[in-house]
Amino acid sequence: MKKIIKTIIKIVKSLIFIPHIASYLLINRSKRILVNKDIDAEKNRNQITYNRIIALLFYLQYSPYYRKIFYKRIGMCSYLLSWYSPGEKTFLPYANIGGGVYPSHSFATILNAKSIGENFTFRNCTTVGSKKDGHNELVPTILDNVILGANVCIIGDITIGNNVIVGAGSVVIHSVPDNCVVAGNPARFIKKNPDI
């Protein structure tokens, strides 16, 4: 009996996300492609075989970080949807982020970049931004397949290359070339990315 009640509660909770699904179905094709890449990346990481709509309902219901990315993707509709089911309040994604983003416990995170590429993974307490307040043109550019550890700061008008791993607690103030691992304060080259 308890399992039936729990299942009914889960179904009722997921019903509040029907407007989210409707907005997903109504957004333009380019935005839907980004959302689909996010869903597919989550499904691959968690080895889930649900279809996209069921997976989207699951992530919207259980991940306030994912909800925040979803709201950024859908644009103006998010103002209507986020008031009764907000995303994580300490996660602020200002940048244009490519598909396949993976926010891993991203509380206390600010992403203010010119652009962030596809398959971007980041963890808690990450700050990406400018060295001086009010200089939003002097923010980093992050390319594809970048992984950031916890407590990473990337500041200034720099570029983080493709396939880069930045170790936890690093402060990155200089551009980083493709295919490498950097760590430290200030961050310096450690080795070539072993996953390439």
N, C-alpha and C. Protein backbone atom coordinates (compact mmCIF):
# COMPACT_ATOMS: atom_id res chain seq x y z
N MET A 1 0.81 -1.20 0.00
CA MET A 1 0.00 0.00 0.00
C MET A 1 0.86 1.27 0.00
N LYS A 2 1.97 1.25 0.78
CA LYS A 2 2.85 2.41 0.84
C LYS A 2 3.48 2.69 -0.52
N LYS A 3 3.85 1.63 -1.26
CA LYS A 3 4.44 1.82 -2.58
C LYS A 3 3.44 2.47 -3.53
N ILE A 4 2.20 2.07 -3.46
CA ILE A 4 1.16 2.65 -4.32
C ILE A 4 0.98 4.13 -4.00
N ILE A 5 0.94 4.46 -2.72
CA ILE A 5 0.78 5.86 -2.31
C ILE A 5 1.98 6.68 -2.77
N LYS A 6 3.21 6.14 -2.61
CA LYS A 6 4.40 6.86 -3.06
C LYS A 6 4.37 7.08 -4.56
N THR A 7 3.93 6.07 -5.30
CA THR A 7 3.84 6.21 -6.76
C THR A 7 2.82 7.28 -7.14
N ILE A 8 1.70 7.30 -6.48
CA ILE A 8 0.66 8.31 -6.75
C ILE A 8 1.20 9.70 -6.44
N ILE A 9 1.93 9.84 -5.33
CA ILE A 9 2.50 11.14 -4.97
C ILE A 9 3.50 11.60 -6.04
N LYS A 10 4.35 10.68 -6.53
CA LYS A 10 5.31 11.03 -7.58
C LYS A 10 4.60 11.49 -8.85
N ILE A 11 3.54 10.80 -9.21
CA ILE A 11 2.79 11.17 -10.41
C ILE A 11 2.16 12.55 -10.24
N VAL A 12 1.56 12.81 -9.09
CA VAL A 12 0.94 14.12 -8.85
C VAL A 12 2.00 15.22 -8.87
N LYS A 13 3.18 14.97 -8.25
CA LYS A 13 4.25 15.96 -8.27
C LYS A 13 4.71 16.26 -9.70
N SER A 14 4.76 15.23 -10.52
CA SER A 14 5.23 15.44 -11.89
C SER A 14 4.20 16.20 -12.73
N LEU A 15 2.93 16.19 -12.33
CA LEU A 15 1.90 16.91 -13.08
C LEU A 15 2.12 18.42 -13.08
N ILE A 16 2.79 18.95 -12.05
CA ILE A 16 3.02 20.39 -12.03
C ILE A 16 4.00 20.81 -13.12
N PHE A 17 4.68 19.84 -13.72
CA PHE A 17 5.64 20.16 -14.77
C PHE A 17 5.05 20.02 -16.17
N ILE A 18 3.76 19.80 -16.28
CA ILE A 18 3.13 19.72 -17.61
C ILE A 18 3.29 21.03 -18.38
N PRO A 19 3.16 22.21 -17.75
CA PRO A 19 3.44 23.44 -18.50
C PRO A 19 4.88 23.52 -19.01
N HIS A 20 5.81 22.94 -18.26
CA HIS A 20 7.21 22.90 -18.70
C HIS A 20 7.33 22.07 -19.97
N ILE A 21 6.65 20.92 -20.00
CA ILE A 21 6.69 20.06 -21.18
C ILE A 21 6.05 20.77 -22.36
N ALA A 22 4.96 21.48 -22.11
CA ALA A 22 4.31 22.23 -23.19
C ALA A 22 5.26 23.30 -23.74
N SER A 23 5.97 24.00 -22.86
CA SER A 23 6.91 25.02 -23.34
C SER A 23 8.06 24.38 -24.11
N TYR A 24 8.50 23.20 -23.67
CA TYR A 24 9.54 22.47 -24.39
C TYR A 24 9.07 22.13 -25.81
N LEU A 25 7.84 21.72 -25.94
CA LEU A 25 7.30 21.35 -27.25
C LEU A 25 7.07 22.56 -28.14
N LEU A 26 6.90 23.74 -27.53
CA LEU A 26 6.59 24.95 -28.29
C LEU A 26 7.80 25.83 -28.60
N ILE A 27 8.94 25.59 -27.95
CA ILE A 27 10.10 26.44 -28.22
C ILE A 27 10.63 26.17 -29.62
N ASN A 28 11.41 27.12 -30.13
CA ASN A 28 11.92 26.96 -31.49
C ASN A 28 12.91 25.81 -31.59
N ARG A 29 13.19 25.41 -32.79
CA ARG A 29 13.98 24.20 -33.05
C ARG A 29 15.39 24.28 -32.46
N SER A 30 16.05 25.42 -32.59
CA SER A 30 17.43 25.52 -32.09
C SER A 30 17.48 25.38 -30.57
N LYS A 31 16.51 25.96 -29.87
CA LYS A 31 16.47 25.82 -28.41
C LYS A 31 16.15 24.38 -28.02
N ARG A 32 15.24 23.74 -28.76
CA ARG A 32 14.88 22.36 -28.45
C ARG A 32 16.07 21.43 -28.66
N ILE A 33 16.89 21.71 -29.67
CA ILE A 33 18.09 20.89 -29.89
C ILE A 33 19.02 20.97 -28.68
N LEU A 34 19.20 22.17 -28.12
CA LEU A 34 20.05 22.32 -26.92
C LEU A 34 19.47 21.55 -25.74
N VAL A 35 18.15 21.67 -25.53
CA VAL A 35 17.52 20.94 -24.44
C VAL A 35 17.67 19.44 -24.66
N ASN A 36 17.49 18.98 -25.90
CA ASN A 36 17.65 17.55 -26.19
C ASN A 36 19.07 17.08 -25.90
N LYS A 37 20.07 17.88 -26.23
CA LYS A 37 21.46 17.52 -25.92
C LYS A 37 21.68 17.41 -24.42
N ASP A 38 21.08 18.34 -23.66
CA ASP A 38 21.18 18.28 -22.20
C ASP A 38 20.54 16.99 -21.67
N ILE A 39 19.35 16.67 -22.17
CA ILE A 39 18.65 15.46 -21.73
C ILE A 39 19.46 14.22 -22.09
N ASP A 40 19.94 14.16 -23.32
CA ASP A 40 20.71 12.99 -23.76
C ASP A 40 21.98 12.81 -22.95
N ALA A 41 22.65 13.92 -22.63
CA ALA A 41 23.87 13.84 -21.82
C ALA A 41 23.56 13.28 -20.43
N GLU A 42 22.47 13.76 -19.83
CA GLU A 42 22.06 13.25 -18.52
C GLU A 42 21.70 11.77 -18.60
N LYS A 43 20.97 11.40 -19.65
CA LYS A 43 20.58 10.00 -19.81
C LYS A 43 21.81 9.10 -19.96
N ASN A 44 22.80 9.54 -20.73
CA ASN A 44 24.02 8.75 -20.91
C ASN A 44 24.80 8.61 -19.62
N ARG A 45 24.92 9.71 -18.87
CA ARG A 45 25.68 9.66 -17.62
C ARG A 45 25.02 8.72 -16.61
N ASN A 46 23.70 8.74 -16.57
CA ASN A 46 22.96 7.95 -15.58
C ASN A 46 22.47 6.62 -16.12
N GLN A 47 22.80 6.32 -17.37
CA GLN A 47 22.39 5.08 -18.03
C GLN A 47 20.88 4.85 -17.92
N ILE A 48 20.14 5.89 -18.27
CA ILE A 48 18.68 5.84 -18.24
C ILE A 48 18.16 5.60 -19.65
N THR A 49 17.13 4.77 -19.77
CA THR A 49 16.60 4.42 -21.09
C THR A 49 15.23 5.03 -21.35
N TYR A 50 14.74 5.89 -20.46
CA TYR A 50 13.45 6.53 -20.69
C TYR A 50 13.49 7.37 -21.96
N ASN A 51 12.30 7.64 -22.53
CA ASN A 51 12.28 8.57 -23.66
C ASN A 51 12.54 9.99 -23.13
N ARG A 52 12.74 10.93 -24.03
CA ARG A 52 13.16 12.28 -23.63
C ARG A 52 12.13 12.98 -22.75
N ILE A 53 10.86 12.83 -23.05
CA ILE A 53 9.83 13.53 -22.26
C ILE A 53 9.83 13.03 -20.81
N ILE A 54 9.89 11.72 -20.62
CA ILE A 54 9.92 11.16 -19.27
C ILE A 54 11.21 11.58 -18.56
N ALA A 55 12.33 11.54 -19.27
CA ALA A 55 13.60 11.97 -18.67
C ALA A 55 13.55 13.45 -18.30
N LEU A 56 12.98 14.27 -19.17
CA LEU A 56 12.85 15.71 -18.88
C LEU A 56 12.00 15.92 -17.63
N LEU A 57 10.88 15.22 -17.51
CA LEU A 57 10.05 15.31 -16.31
C LEU A 57 10.85 14.94 -15.06
N PHE A 58 11.61 13.88 -15.17
CA PHE A 58 12.41 13.42 -14.03
C PHE A 58 13.42 14.48 -13.61
N TYR A 59 14.19 15.03 -14.57
CA TYR A 59 15.22 16.01 -14.24
C TYR A 59 14.62 17.32 -13.74
N LEU A 60 13.50 17.73 -14.32
CA LEU A 60 12.84 18.94 -13.85
C LEU A 60 12.35 18.77 -12.41
N GLN A 61 11.87 17.58 -12.11
CA GLN A 61 11.32 17.35 -10.78
C GLN A 61 12.40 17.24 -9.71
N TYR A 62 13.52 16.61 -10.03
CA TYR A 62 14.49 16.29 -8.99
C TYR A 62 15.77 17.12 -9.00
N SER A 63 15.98 17.96 -9.99
CA SER A 63 17.22 18.73 -10.03
C SER A 63 16.95 20.22 -10.22
N PRO A 64 17.06 21.01 -9.15
CA PRO A 64 16.88 22.46 -9.30
C PRO A 64 17.96 23.09 -10.18
N TYR A 65 19.14 22.45 -10.27
CA TYR A 65 20.21 22.96 -11.14
C TYR A 65 19.81 22.77 -12.60
N TYR A 66 19.28 21.60 -12.91
CA TYR A 66 18.84 21.34 -14.27
C TYR A 66 17.68 22.28 -14.64
N ARG A 67 16.76 22.50 -13.68
CA ARG A 67 15.64 23.43 -13.94
C ARG A 67 16.16 24.80 -14.31
N LYS A 68 17.21 25.26 -13.62
CA LYS A 68 17.76 26.59 -13.90
C LYS A 68 18.30 26.65 -15.33
N ILE A 69 19.01 25.62 -15.78
CA ILE A 69 19.50 25.56 -17.17
C ILE A 69 18.32 25.51 -18.13
N PHE A 70 17.31 24.71 -17.81
CA PHE A 70 16.13 24.60 -18.68
C PHE A 70 15.45 25.96 -18.82
N TYR A 71 15.30 26.69 -17.73
CA TYR A 71 14.67 28.01 -17.79
C TYR A 71 15.48 28.97 -18.66
N LYS A 72 16.80 28.87 -18.57
CA LYS A 72 17.64 29.72 -19.44
C LYS A 72 17.42 29.35 -20.90
N ARG A 73 17.28 28.07 -21.19
CA ARG A 73 17.10 27.62 -22.57
C ARG A 73 15.78 28.09 -23.17
N ILE A 74 14.70 28.05 -22.39
CA ILE A 74 13.38 28.35 -22.97
C ILE A 74 13.09 29.84 -23.04
N GLY A 75 13.88 30.66 -22.37
CA GLY A 75 13.74 32.11 -22.51
C GLY A 75 12.57 32.69 -21.73
N MET A 76 11.76 33.52 -22.40
CA MET A 76 10.72 34.31 -21.74
C MET A 76 9.70 33.46 -20.99
N CYS A 77 9.41 32.27 -21.48
CA CYS A 77 8.43 31.40 -20.80
C CYS A 77 8.85 31.10 -19.37
N SER A 78 10.15 31.16 -19.11
CA SER A 78 10.65 30.77 -17.79
C SER A 78 10.10 31.67 -16.68
N TYR A 79 9.79 32.92 -16.99
CA TYR A 79 9.27 33.82 -15.96
C TYR A 79 7.92 33.33 -15.44
N LEU A 80 7.14 32.72 -16.30
CA LEU A 80 5.84 32.19 -15.89
C LEU A 80 5.98 30.88 -15.12
N LEU A 81 6.97 30.09 -15.48
CA LEU A 81 7.10 28.76 -14.90
C LEU A 81 7.91 28.72 -13.61
N SER A 82 8.90 29.59 -13.51
CA SER A 82 9.83 29.49 -12.38
C SER A 82 9.25 30.00 -11.06
N TRP A 83 8.16 30.70 -11.08
CA TRP A 83 7.64 31.23 -9.82
C TRP A 83 7.11 30.13 -8.91
N TYR A 84 6.56 29.04 -9.45
CA TYR A 84 6.06 27.98 -8.59
C TYR A 84 6.99 26.78 -8.51
N SER A 85 7.99 26.74 -9.35
CA SER A 85 8.98 25.67 -9.28
C SER A 85 10.35 26.25 -9.65
N PRO A 86 10.93 27.02 -8.74
CA PRO A 86 12.17 27.73 -9.09
C PRO A 86 13.35 26.79 -9.24
N GLY A 87 14.36 27.29 -9.96
CA GLY A 87 15.64 26.59 -10.03
C GLY A 87 16.46 26.93 -8.81
N GLU A 88 17.65 26.40 -8.74
CA GLU A 88 18.56 26.68 -7.62
C GLU A 88 18.89 28.17 -7.60
N LYS A 89 18.64 28.82 -6.47
CA LYS A 89 18.80 30.27 -6.38
C LYS A 89 20.26 30.73 -6.35
N THR A 90 21.18 29.86 -5.94
CA THR A 90 22.59 30.26 -5.87
C THR A 90 23.37 29.86 -7.11
N PHE A 91 22.69 29.38 -8.13
CA PHE A 91 23.33 29.01 -9.40
C PHE A 91 22.86 30.02 -10.44
N LEU A 92 23.80 30.82 -10.98
CA LEU A 92 23.45 31.90 -11.89
C LEU A 92 24.14 31.71 -13.23
N PRO A 93 23.46 31.08 -14.21
CA PRO A 93 24.07 30.88 -15.53
C PRO A 93 23.79 32.05 -16.47
N TYR A 94 24.68 33.04 -16.50
CA TYR A 94 24.49 34.18 -17.38
C TYR A 94 24.95 33.91 -18.81
N ALA A 95 25.88 33.00 -18.98
CA ALA A 95 26.51 32.76 -20.29
C ALA A 95 25.60 31.97 -21.22
N ASN A 96 25.89 32.08 -22.52
CA ASN A 96 25.26 31.19 -23.51
C ASN A 96 26.02 29.87 -23.45
N ILE A 97 25.32 28.82 -23.06
CA ILE A 97 25.95 27.53 -22.82
C ILE A 97 25.51 26.54 -23.89
N GLY A 98 26.47 25.82 -24.46
CA GLY A 98 26.17 24.81 -25.47
C GLY A 98 25.44 23.62 -24.88
N GLY A 99 24.99 22.72 -25.72
CA GLY A 99 24.24 21.55 -25.29
C GLY A 99 25.08 20.55 -24.53
N GLY A 100 24.42 19.70 -23.78
CA GLY A 100 25.11 18.65 -23.03
C GLY A 100 25.73 19.12 -21.74
N VAL A 101 25.25 20.23 -21.20
CA VAL A 101 25.80 20.77 -19.95
C VAL A 101 25.45 19.83 -18.79
N TYR A 102 26.40 19.70 -17.84
CA TYR A 102 26.19 18.85 -16.67
C TYR A 102 26.52 19.61 -15.40
N PRO A 103 25.51 20.16 -14.72
CA PRO A 103 25.75 20.85 -13.45
C PRO A 103 25.78 19.83 -12.31
N SER A 104 26.95 19.57 -11.77
CA SER A 104 27.09 18.60 -10.70
C SER A 104 27.15 19.33 -9.37
N HIS A 105 26.02 19.37 -8.65
CA HIS A 105 25.93 20.07 -7.36
C HIS A 105 26.43 21.51 -7.49
N SER A 106 25.81 22.26 -8.36
CA SER A 106 26.37 23.56 -8.75
C SER A 106 25.90 24.74 -7.91
N PHE A 107 25.64 24.51 -6.63
CA PHE A 107 25.25 25.64 -5.79
C PHE A 107 26.41 26.62 -5.66
N ALA A 108 26.09 27.86 -5.41
CA ALA A 108 27.07 28.94 -5.27
C ALA A 108 27.95 29.06 -6.51
N THR A 109 27.33 28.99 -7.68
CA THR A 109 28.05 29.04 -8.95
C THR A 109 27.57 30.20 -9.80
N ILE A 110 28.52 30.93 -10.38
CA ILE A 110 28.22 32.02 -11.31
C ILE A 110 28.95 31.76 -12.61
N LEU A 111 28.21 31.69 -13.71
CA LEU A 111 28.81 31.47 -15.03
C LEU A 111 28.54 32.69 -15.89
N ASN A 112 29.51 33.58 -15.97
CA ASN A 112 29.39 34.79 -16.78
C ASN A 112 30.54 34.76 -17.79
N ALA A 113 30.27 34.22 -18.96
CA ALA A 113 31.30 34.07 -20.00
C ALA A 113 30.75 34.58 -21.32
N LYS A 114 31.65 34.85 -22.26
CA LYS A 114 31.19 35.21 -23.61
C LYS A 114 30.39 34.07 -24.20
N SER A 115 30.94 32.87 -24.06
CA SER A 115 30.23 31.66 -24.49
C SER A 115 30.87 30.47 -23.81
N ILE A 116 30.08 29.42 -23.68
CA ILE A 116 30.54 28.15 -23.13
C ILE A 116 30.13 27.08 -24.12
N GLY A 117 31.07 26.23 -24.49
CA GLY A 117 30.84 25.21 -25.50
C GLY A 117 30.01 24.03 -25.02
N GLU A 118 29.97 23.01 -25.84
CA GLU A 118 29.16 21.82 -25.56
C GLU A 118 29.86 20.91 -24.56
N ASN A 119 29.04 20.06 -23.91
CA ASN A 119 29.52 19.06 -22.95
C ASN A 119 30.36 19.68 -21.84
N PHE A 120 29.82 20.73 -21.25
CA PHE A 120 30.49 21.47 -20.17
C PHE A 120 30.05 20.88 -18.84
N THR A 121 31.02 20.47 -18.01
CA THR A 121 30.74 19.91 -16.68
C THR A 121 31.37 20.81 -15.64
N PHE A 122 30.61 21.13 -14.59
CA PHE A 122 31.16 21.99 -13.53
C PHE A 122 30.56 21.57 -12.20
N ARG A 123 31.27 21.94 -11.15
CA ARG A 123 30.85 21.58 -9.81
C ARG A 123 30.64 22.83 -8.96
N ASN A 124 30.34 22.63 -7.70
CA ASN A 124 29.94 23.70 -6.80
C ASN A 124 31.00 24.78 -6.63
N CYS A 125 30.53 25.95 -6.31
CA CYS A 125 31.36 27.13 -5.99
C CYS A 125 32.26 27.55 -7.14
N THR A 126 31.80 27.38 -8.36
CA THR A 126 32.56 27.79 -9.54
C THR A 126 32.21 29.23 -9.86
N THR A 127 33.23 30.02 -10.19
CA THR A 127 33.01 31.40 -10.61
C THR A 127 33.72 31.63 -11.94
N VAL A 128 32.96 32.05 -12.93
CA VAL A 128 33.50 32.42 -14.23
C VAL A 128 33.06 33.86 -14.47
N GLY A 129 34.01 34.76 -14.65
CA GLY A 129 33.63 36.16 -14.83
C GLY A 129 34.80 37.08 -15.12
N SER A 130 34.58 38.37 -14.86
CA SER A 130 35.60 39.38 -15.16
C SER A 130 36.42 39.69 -13.92
N LYS A 131 37.58 40.33 -14.14
CA LYS A 131 38.44 40.71 -13.02
C LYS A 131 37.91 41.94 -12.30
N LYS A 132 37.18 42.80 -13.03
CA LYS A 132 36.69 44.04 -12.44
C LYS A 132 35.17 44.11 -12.60
N ASP A 133 34.50 44.62 -11.59
CA ASP A 133 33.06 44.79 -11.67
C ASP A 133 32.70 45.74 -12.81
N GLY A 134 31.64 45.40 -13.52
CA GLY A 134 31.15 46.27 -14.58
C GLY A 134 31.84 46.09 -15.91
N HIS A 135 32.79 45.18 -16.03
CA HIS A 135 33.50 44.94 -17.28
C HIS A 135 33.08 43.60 -17.87
N ASN A 136 31.83 43.50 -18.28
CA ASN A 136 31.30 42.24 -18.77
C ASN A 136 31.84 41.84 -20.13
N GLU A 137 32.55 42.74 -20.81
CA GLU A 137 33.17 42.37 -22.09
C GLU A 137 34.49 41.65 -21.86
N LEU A 138 35.02 41.72 -20.65
CA LEU A 138 36.30 41.10 -20.32
C LEU A 138 36.09 39.79 -19.56
N VAL A 139 35.26 38.93 -20.12
CA VAL A 139 34.96 37.64 -19.49
C VAL A 139 35.51 36.50 -20.35
N PRO A 140 35.68 35.32 -19.77
CA PRO A 140 36.28 34.21 -20.50
C PRO A 140 35.40 33.63 -21.60
N THR A 141 36.06 32.88 -22.49
CA THR A 141 35.41 32.05 -23.49
C THR A 141 35.83 30.62 -23.18
N ILE A 142 34.86 29.74 -23.06
CA ILE A 142 35.14 28.34 -22.74
C ILE A 142 34.67 27.50 -23.92
N LEU A 143 35.57 26.67 -24.44
CA LEU A 143 35.25 25.86 -25.62
C LEU A 143 34.62 24.52 -25.21
N ASP A 144 34.63 23.52 -26.08
CA ASP A 144 33.90 22.27 -25.87
C ASP A 144 34.64 21.29 -24.95
N ASN A 145 33.84 20.43 -24.29
CA ASN A 145 34.33 19.31 -23.48
C ASN A 145 35.25 19.76 -22.36
N VAL A 146 34.83 20.76 -21.62
CA VAL A 146 35.61 21.28 -20.49
C VAL A 146 34.99 20.78 -19.20
N ILE A 147 35.84 20.33 -18.28
CA ILE A 147 35.40 19.85 -16.97
C ILE A 147 36.07 20.71 -15.90
N LEU A 148 35.25 21.28 -15.01
CA LEU A 148 35.76 22.12 -13.93
C LEU A 148 35.51 21.43 -12.60
N GLY A 149 36.54 21.37 -11.76
CA GLY A 149 36.37 20.83 -10.41
C GLY A 149 35.66 21.84 -9.52
N ALA A 150 35.51 21.50 -8.26
CA ALA A 150 34.86 22.39 -7.29
C ALA A 150 35.75 23.59 -6.99
N ASN A 151 35.13 24.71 -6.67
CA ASN A 151 35.83 25.93 -6.25
C ASN A 151 36.81 26.47 -7.29
N VAL A 152 36.47 26.38 -8.54
CA VAL A 152 37.32 26.90 -9.61
C VAL A 152 36.93 28.34 -9.92
N CYS A 153 37.92 29.21 -10.09
CA CYS A 153 37.69 30.58 -10.55
C CYS A 153 38.39 30.75 -11.90
N ILE A 154 37.63 31.20 -12.89
CA ILE A 154 38.18 31.52 -14.20
C ILE A 154 37.83 32.98 -14.46
N ILE A 155 38.84 33.84 -14.49
CA ILE A 155 38.54 35.26 -14.58
C ILE A 155 39.39 35.93 -15.66
N GLY A 156 38.78 36.92 -16.30
CA GLY A 156 39.46 37.72 -17.30
C GLY A 156 39.10 37.34 -18.72
N ASP A 157 39.61 38.10 -19.65
CA ASP A 157 39.36 37.89 -21.07
C ASP A 157 40.32 36.83 -21.60
N ILE A 158 40.04 35.57 -21.25
CA ILE A 158 40.91 34.45 -21.61
C ILE A 158 40.08 33.39 -22.32
N THR A 159 40.76 32.38 -22.87
CA THR A 159 40.08 31.27 -23.54
C THR A 159 40.52 29.96 -22.91
N ILE A 160 39.55 29.14 -22.58
CA ILE A 160 39.81 27.78 -22.10
C ILE A 160 39.56 26.86 -23.29
N GLY A 161 40.57 26.13 -23.71
CA GLY A 161 40.51 25.33 -24.93
C GLY A 161 39.61 24.11 -24.84
N ASN A 162 39.55 23.38 -25.93
CA ASN A 162 38.76 22.14 -26.00
C ASN A 162 39.41 21.04 -25.17
N ASN A 163 38.57 20.18 -24.59
CA ASN A 163 39.04 18.98 -23.87
C ASN A 163 39.98 19.32 -22.71
N VAL A 164 39.61 20.32 -21.93
CA VAL A 164 40.44 20.76 -20.81
C VAL A 164 39.79 20.32 -19.50
N ILE A 165 40.62 19.90 -18.57
CA ILE A 165 40.18 19.59 -17.20
C ILE A 165 40.88 20.59 -16.28
N VAL A 166 40.08 21.27 -15.44
CA VAL A 166 40.63 22.23 -14.48
C VAL A 166 40.41 21.64 -13.09
N GLY A 167 41.50 21.44 -12.36
CA GLY A 167 41.45 20.82 -11.04
C GLY A 167 40.73 21.67 -10.01
N ALA A 168 40.23 21.01 -8.97
CA ALA A 168 39.50 21.69 -7.90
C ALA A 168 40.37 22.75 -7.24
N GLY A 169 39.74 23.88 -6.91
CA GLY A 169 40.43 24.96 -6.22
C GLY A 169 41.35 25.80 -7.07
N SER A 170 41.31 25.61 -8.38
CA SER A 170 42.21 26.34 -9.27
C SER A 170 41.72 27.76 -9.54
N VAL A 171 42.66 28.66 -9.76
CA VAL A 171 42.36 30.02 -10.19
C VAL A 171 43.02 30.19 -11.56
N VAL A 172 42.21 30.33 -12.59
CA VAL A 172 42.71 30.41 -13.96
C VAL A 172 42.66 31.86 -14.41
N ILE A 173 43.85 32.44 -14.69
CA ILE A 173 43.92 33.84 -15.10
C ILE A 173 44.59 34.01 -16.46
N HIS A 174 45.04 32.89 -17.05
CA HIS A 174 45.66 32.90 -18.38
C HIS A 174 44.96 31.88 -19.26
N SER A 175 45.00 32.10 -20.56
CA SER A 175 44.37 31.17 -21.50
C SER A 175 44.99 29.78 -21.36
N VAL A 176 44.17 28.76 -21.61
CA VAL A 176 44.59 27.37 -21.49
C VAL A 176 44.46 26.72 -22.87
N PRO A 177 45.51 26.06 -23.37
CA PRO A 177 45.43 25.42 -24.69
C PRO A 177 44.56 24.16 -24.66
N ASP A 178 44.26 23.63 -25.82
CA ASP A 178 43.46 22.41 -25.95
C ASP A 178 44.15 21.22 -25.30
N ASN A 179 43.32 20.25 -24.91
CA ASN A 179 43.77 18.90 -24.52
C ASN A 179 44.77 18.87 -23.37
N CYS A 180 44.47 19.56 -22.28
CA CYS A 180 45.39 19.49 -21.15
C CYS A 180 44.65 19.55 -19.82
N VAL A 181 45.39 19.25 -18.77
CA VAL A 181 44.90 19.33 -17.40
C VAL A 181 45.68 20.44 -16.72
N VAL A 182 44.97 21.36 -16.06
CA VAL A 182 45.61 22.44 -15.32
C VAL A 182 45.08 22.43 -13.89
N ALA A 183 45.90 22.92 -12.97
CA ALA A 183 45.50 23.01 -11.57
C ALA A 183 46.40 23.99 -10.86
N GLY A 184 45.93 24.47 -9.72
CA GLY A 184 46.74 25.33 -8.86
C GLY A 184 46.25 26.76 -8.83
N ASN A 185 46.95 27.57 -8.02
CA ASN A 185 46.63 28.98 -7.89
C ASN A 185 47.94 29.77 -7.96
N PRO A 186 48.23 30.37 -9.11
CA PRO A 186 47.46 30.36 -10.36
C PRO A 186 47.60 29.01 -11.07
N ALA A 187 46.62 28.69 -11.89
CA ALA A 187 46.61 27.39 -12.57
C ALA A 187 47.77 27.28 -13.54
N ARG A 188 48.37 26.11 -13.56
CA ARG A 188 49.45 25.84 -14.52
C ARG A 188 49.28 24.44 -15.10
N PHE A 189 49.95 24.24 -16.21
CA PHE A 189 49.87 22.97 -16.92
C PHE A 189 50.36 21.83 -16.04
N ILE A 190 49.56 20.75 -15.97
CA ILE A 190 49.95 19.56 -15.21
C ILE A 190 50.37 18.45 -16.17
N LYS A 191 49.49 18.15 -17.14
CA LYS A 191 49.77 17.10 -18.12
C LYS A 191 48.78 17.19 -19.26
N LYS A 192 49.03 16.42 -20.30
CA LYS A 192 48.06 16.29 -21.38
C LYS A 192 46.84 15.56 -20.85
N ASN A 193 45.66 15.88 -21.37
CA ASN A 193 44.44 15.22 -20.96
C ASN A 193 44.51 13.74 -21.34
N PRO A 194 44.48 12.83 -20.36
CA PRO A 194 44.63 11.41 -20.66
C PRO A 194 43.43 10.80 -21.38
N ASP A 195 42.30 11.48 -21.40
CA ASP A 195 41.09 10.94 -22.03
C ASP A 195 41.05 11.21 -23.52
N ILE A 196 42.01 11.91 -24.08
CA ILE A 196 42.01 12.26 -25.50
C ILE A 196 42.77 11.21 -26.29
